[in-house]
N, C-alpha and C. Protein backbone atom coordinates (compact mmCIF):
# COMPACT_ATOMS: atom_id res chain seq x y z
N MET A 1 -2.12 -12.26 -77.87
CA MET A 1 -1.87 -10.87 -77.51
C MET A 1 -0.40 -10.59 -77.74
N ASN A 2 -0.11 -9.39 -78.20
CA ASN A 2 1.29 -8.99 -78.35
C ASN A 2 1.60 -7.88 -77.33
N CYS A 3 2.85 -7.47 -77.31
CA CYS A 3 3.30 -6.49 -76.32
C CYS A 3 2.58 -5.15 -76.46
N ASP A 4 2.39 -4.69 -77.69
CA ASP A 4 1.69 -3.41 -77.90
C ASP A 4 0.28 -3.44 -77.33
N GLU A 5 -0.41 -4.55 -77.55
CA GLU A 5 -1.77 -4.67 -77.00
C GLU A 5 -1.74 -4.65 -75.47
N PHE A 6 -0.79 -5.36 -74.89
CA PHE A 6 -0.71 -5.39 -73.44
C PHE A 6 -0.46 -4.01 -72.86
N VAL A 7 0.47 -3.28 -73.48
CA VAL A 7 0.80 -1.92 -73.00
C VAL A 7 -0.44 -1.04 -73.04
N GLU A 8 -1.23 -1.16 -74.09
CA GLU A 8 -2.45 -0.35 -74.20
C GLU A 8 -3.48 -0.72 -73.14
N LEU A 9 -3.45 -1.95 -72.68
CA LEU A 9 -4.47 -2.43 -71.75
C LEU A 9 -4.00 -2.50 -70.29
N VAL A 10 -2.76 -2.13 -70.02
CA VAL A 10 -2.19 -2.35 -68.69
C VAL A 10 -2.99 -1.66 -67.58
N THR A 11 -3.46 -0.45 -67.80
CA THR A 11 -4.20 0.22 -66.73
C THR A 11 -5.54 -0.47 -66.46
N THR A 12 -6.19 -0.92 -67.51
CA THR A 12 -7.45 -1.66 -67.34
C THR A 12 -7.18 -2.98 -66.63
N PHE A 13 -6.09 -3.62 -66.97
CA PHE A 13 -5.68 -4.86 -66.31
C PHE A 13 -5.47 -4.63 -64.82
N LEU A 14 -4.77 -3.55 -64.49
CA LEU A 14 -4.45 -3.27 -63.09
C LEU A 14 -5.66 -2.86 -62.27
N ASP A 15 -6.60 -2.17 -62.87
CA ASP A 15 -7.74 -1.72 -62.06
C ASP A 15 -8.86 -2.76 -61.98
N GLY A 16 -8.66 -3.91 -62.62
CA GLY A 16 -9.60 -5.02 -62.49
C GLY A 16 -10.90 -4.86 -63.24
N SER A 17 -10.95 -3.95 -64.21
CA SER A 17 -12.20 -3.72 -64.94
C SER A 17 -12.20 -4.36 -66.32
N MET A 18 -11.30 -5.29 -66.54
CA MET A 18 -11.16 -5.93 -67.83
C MET A 18 -12.13 -7.11 -67.94
N HIS A 19 -12.64 -7.33 -69.14
CA HIS A 19 -13.48 -8.50 -69.38
C HIS A 19 -12.62 -9.76 -69.22
N GLU A 20 -13.23 -10.80 -68.70
CA GLU A 20 -12.49 -12.01 -68.35
C GLU A 20 -11.68 -12.61 -69.51
N PRO A 21 -12.24 -12.72 -70.72
CA PRO A 21 -11.43 -13.30 -71.81
C PRO A 21 -10.18 -12.47 -72.13
N THR A 22 -10.29 -11.16 -72.07
CA THR A 22 -9.14 -10.30 -72.33
C THR A 22 -8.14 -10.40 -71.19
N GLU A 23 -8.63 -10.47 -69.97
CA GLU A 23 -7.74 -10.63 -68.83
C GLU A 23 -6.96 -11.93 -68.93
N LEU A 24 -7.60 -12.99 -69.36
CA LEU A 24 -6.94 -14.27 -69.53
C LEU A 24 -5.85 -14.17 -70.60
N ARG A 25 -6.14 -13.46 -71.69
CA ARG A 25 -5.12 -13.26 -72.73
C ARG A 25 -3.92 -12.51 -72.18
N CYS A 26 -4.18 -11.51 -71.33
CA CYS A 26 -3.08 -10.76 -70.70
C CYS A 26 -2.25 -11.68 -69.81
N LEU A 27 -2.91 -12.49 -69.02
CA LEU A 27 -2.20 -13.39 -68.11
C LEU A 27 -1.35 -14.40 -68.88
N VAL A 28 -1.89 -14.92 -69.97
CA VAL A 28 -1.12 -15.85 -70.79
C VAL A 28 0.10 -15.13 -71.38
N HIS A 29 -0.12 -13.91 -71.88
CA HIS A 29 1.00 -13.16 -72.44
C HIS A 29 2.07 -12.90 -71.39
N LEU A 30 1.68 -12.58 -70.19
CA LEU A 30 2.65 -12.32 -69.12
C LEU A 30 3.49 -13.55 -68.79
N THR A 31 2.90 -14.74 -68.92
CA THR A 31 3.67 -15.95 -68.65
C THR A 31 4.71 -16.20 -69.73
N GLU A 32 4.51 -15.61 -70.90
CA GLU A 32 5.39 -15.85 -72.04
C GLU A 32 6.36 -14.70 -72.31
N CYS A 33 6.15 -13.55 -71.68
CA CYS A 33 6.91 -12.35 -72.05
C CYS A 33 7.52 -11.69 -70.82
N ASP A 34 8.81 -11.89 -70.65
CA ASP A 34 9.51 -11.28 -69.52
C ASP A 34 9.48 -9.75 -69.59
N GLY A 35 9.54 -9.20 -70.80
CA GLY A 35 9.53 -7.75 -70.96
C GLY A 35 8.25 -7.13 -70.43
N CYS A 36 7.12 -7.72 -70.74
CA CYS A 36 5.85 -7.17 -70.26
C CYS A 36 5.66 -7.42 -68.77
N GLU A 37 6.21 -8.52 -68.28
CA GLU A 37 6.16 -8.77 -66.85
C GLU A 37 6.95 -7.69 -66.11
N THR A 38 8.10 -7.33 -66.64
CA THR A 38 8.91 -6.26 -66.06
C THR A 38 8.18 -4.93 -66.15
N TYR A 39 7.58 -4.66 -67.31
CA TYR A 39 6.81 -3.43 -67.52
C TYR A 39 5.69 -3.32 -66.50
N LEU A 40 4.95 -4.41 -66.29
CA LEU A 40 3.86 -4.41 -65.32
C LEU A 40 4.38 -4.14 -63.91
N ASP A 41 5.50 -4.76 -63.55
CA ASP A 41 6.10 -4.53 -62.24
C ASP A 41 6.51 -3.07 -62.06
N GLN A 42 7.12 -2.49 -63.10
CA GLN A 42 7.51 -1.08 -63.04
C GLN A 42 6.28 -0.18 -62.89
N PHE A 43 5.23 -0.52 -63.58
CA PHE A 43 3.99 0.26 -63.51
C PHE A 43 3.42 0.19 -62.09
N ARG A 44 3.42 -1.00 -61.51
CA ARG A 44 2.93 -1.16 -60.14
C ARG A 44 3.78 -0.37 -59.15
N GLN A 45 5.09 -0.39 -59.33
CA GLN A 45 5.98 0.37 -58.45
C GLN A 45 5.73 1.87 -58.57
N THR A 46 5.52 2.33 -59.79
CA THR A 46 5.24 3.76 -60.00
C THR A 46 3.94 4.16 -59.31
N ILE A 47 2.93 3.34 -59.44
CA ILE A 47 1.64 3.61 -58.78
C ILE A 47 1.83 3.67 -57.27
N ALA A 48 2.57 2.73 -56.72
CA ALA A 48 2.80 2.69 -55.27
C ALA A 48 3.54 3.94 -54.79
N ILE A 49 4.53 4.36 -55.55
CA ILE A 49 5.29 5.56 -55.19
C ILE A 49 4.40 6.79 -55.23
N LEU A 50 3.61 6.90 -56.29
CA LEU A 50 2.72 8.06 -56.41
C LEU A 50 1.65 8.06 -55.33
N ASP A 51 1.16 6.88 -54.99
CA ASP A 51 0.15 6.79 -53.92
C ASP A 51 0.73 7.18 -52.56
N ALA A 52 2.03 7.01 -52.40
CA ALA A 52 2.68 7.32 -51.12
C ALA A 52 2.98 8.80 -50.94
N LEU A 53 2.82 9.59 -51.99
CA LEU A 53 3.08 11.02 -51.86
C LEU A 53 2.07 11.64 -50.90
N PRO A 54 2.54 12.36 -49.90
CA PRO A 54 1.62 12.90 -48.90
C PRO A 54 0.78 14.05 -49.45
N GLY A 55 -0.52 13.89 -49.32
CA GLY A 55 -1.46 14.97 -49.62
C GLY A 55 -1.41 15.51 -51.03
N GLN A 56 -0.90 14.77 -51.95
CA GLN A 56 -0.83 15.26 -53.33
C GLN A 56 -1.51 14.26 -54.25
N SER A 57 -2.07 14.80 -55.29
CA SER A 57 -2.58 13.94 -56.34
C SER A 57 -1.92 14.38 -57.64
N LEU A 58 -1.78 13.46 -58.53
CA LEU A 58 -1.12 13.74 -59.79
C LEU A 58 -2.12 14.42 -60.72
N PRO A 59 -1.79 15.61 -61.22
CA PRO A 59 -2.69 16.28 -62.15
C PRO A 59 -2.92 15.42 -63.40
N THR A 60 -4.08 15.55 -63.99
CA THR A 60 -4.45 14.75 -65.15
C THR A 60 -3.41 14.86 -66.26
N GLU A 61 -2.94 16.07 -66.54
CA GLU A 61 -1.96 16.26 -67.60
C GLU A 61 -0.66 15.51 -67.30
N ALA A 62 -0.22 15.56 -66.07
CA ALA A 62 1.01 14.86 -65.68
C ALA A 62 0.81 13.35 -65.77
N ARG A 63 -0.35 12.89 -65.35
CA ARG A 63 -0.67 11.46 -65.44
C ARG A 63 -0.63 11.00 -66.89
N ASP A 64 -1.25 11.76 -67.77
CA ASP A 64 -1.28 11.41 -69.19
C ASP A 64 0.13 11.39 -69.78
N GLN A 65 0.97 12.34 -69.36
CA GLN A 65 2.35 12.38 -69.84
C GLN A 65 3.13 11.17 -69.34
N LEU A 66 2.90 10.78 -68.11
CA LEU A 66 3.58 9.62 -67.54
C LEU A 66 3.16 8.35 -68.28
N LEU A 67 1.87 8.20 -68.51
CA LEU A 67 1.39 7.04 -69.25
C LEU A 67 1.97 7.01 -70.66
N GLY A 68 2.03 8.17 -71.30
CA GLY A 68 2.62 8.25 -72.63
C GLY A 68 4.09 7.86 -72.63
N ALA A 69 4.81 8.28 -71.60
CA ALA A 69 6.22 7.94 -71.50
C ALA A 69 6.42 6.43 -71.34
N PHE A 70 5.58 5.79 -70.53
CA PHE A 70 5.65 4.34 -70.37
C PHE A 70 5.39 3.64 -71.70
N ARG A 71 4.37 4.12 -72.42
CA ARG A 71 4.05 3.50 -73.70
C ARG A 71 5.19 3.69 -74.70
N ALA A 72 5.80 4.85 -74.71
CA ALA A 72 6.91 5.12 -75.63
C ALA A 72 8.12 4.25 -75.30
N LEU A 73 8.40 4.05 -74.03
CA LEU A 73 9.52 3.19 -73.63
C LEU A 73 9.31 1.77 -74.09
N ARG A 74 8.10 1.31 -73.99
CA ARG A 74 7.80 -0.08 -74.36
C ARG A 74 7.94 -0.30 -75.87
N ARG A 75 7.65 0.73 -76.66
CA ARG A 75 7.70 0.60 -78.11
C ARG A 75 9.13 0.67 -78.64
N ASP A 76 10.03 1.25 -77.86
CA ASP A 76 11.43 1.40 -78.33
C ASP A 76 12.17 0.10 -78.37
């Protein structure tokens, strides 16, 4: 697995709906790639912050823009 693949799969990885062989590939990649480990940590922190917002949910368009921004940062 490379970094681009991991970035594309990060939300599936986090929600636990990934097939076991792919999840194992992600875990192996994370042990070898500090950048993706940092990316995953930042993604988890963002989710936690958004979950802590009182009585608000993130609109679909805003969520998609946020995900796009994360993907763009990783590719730079």
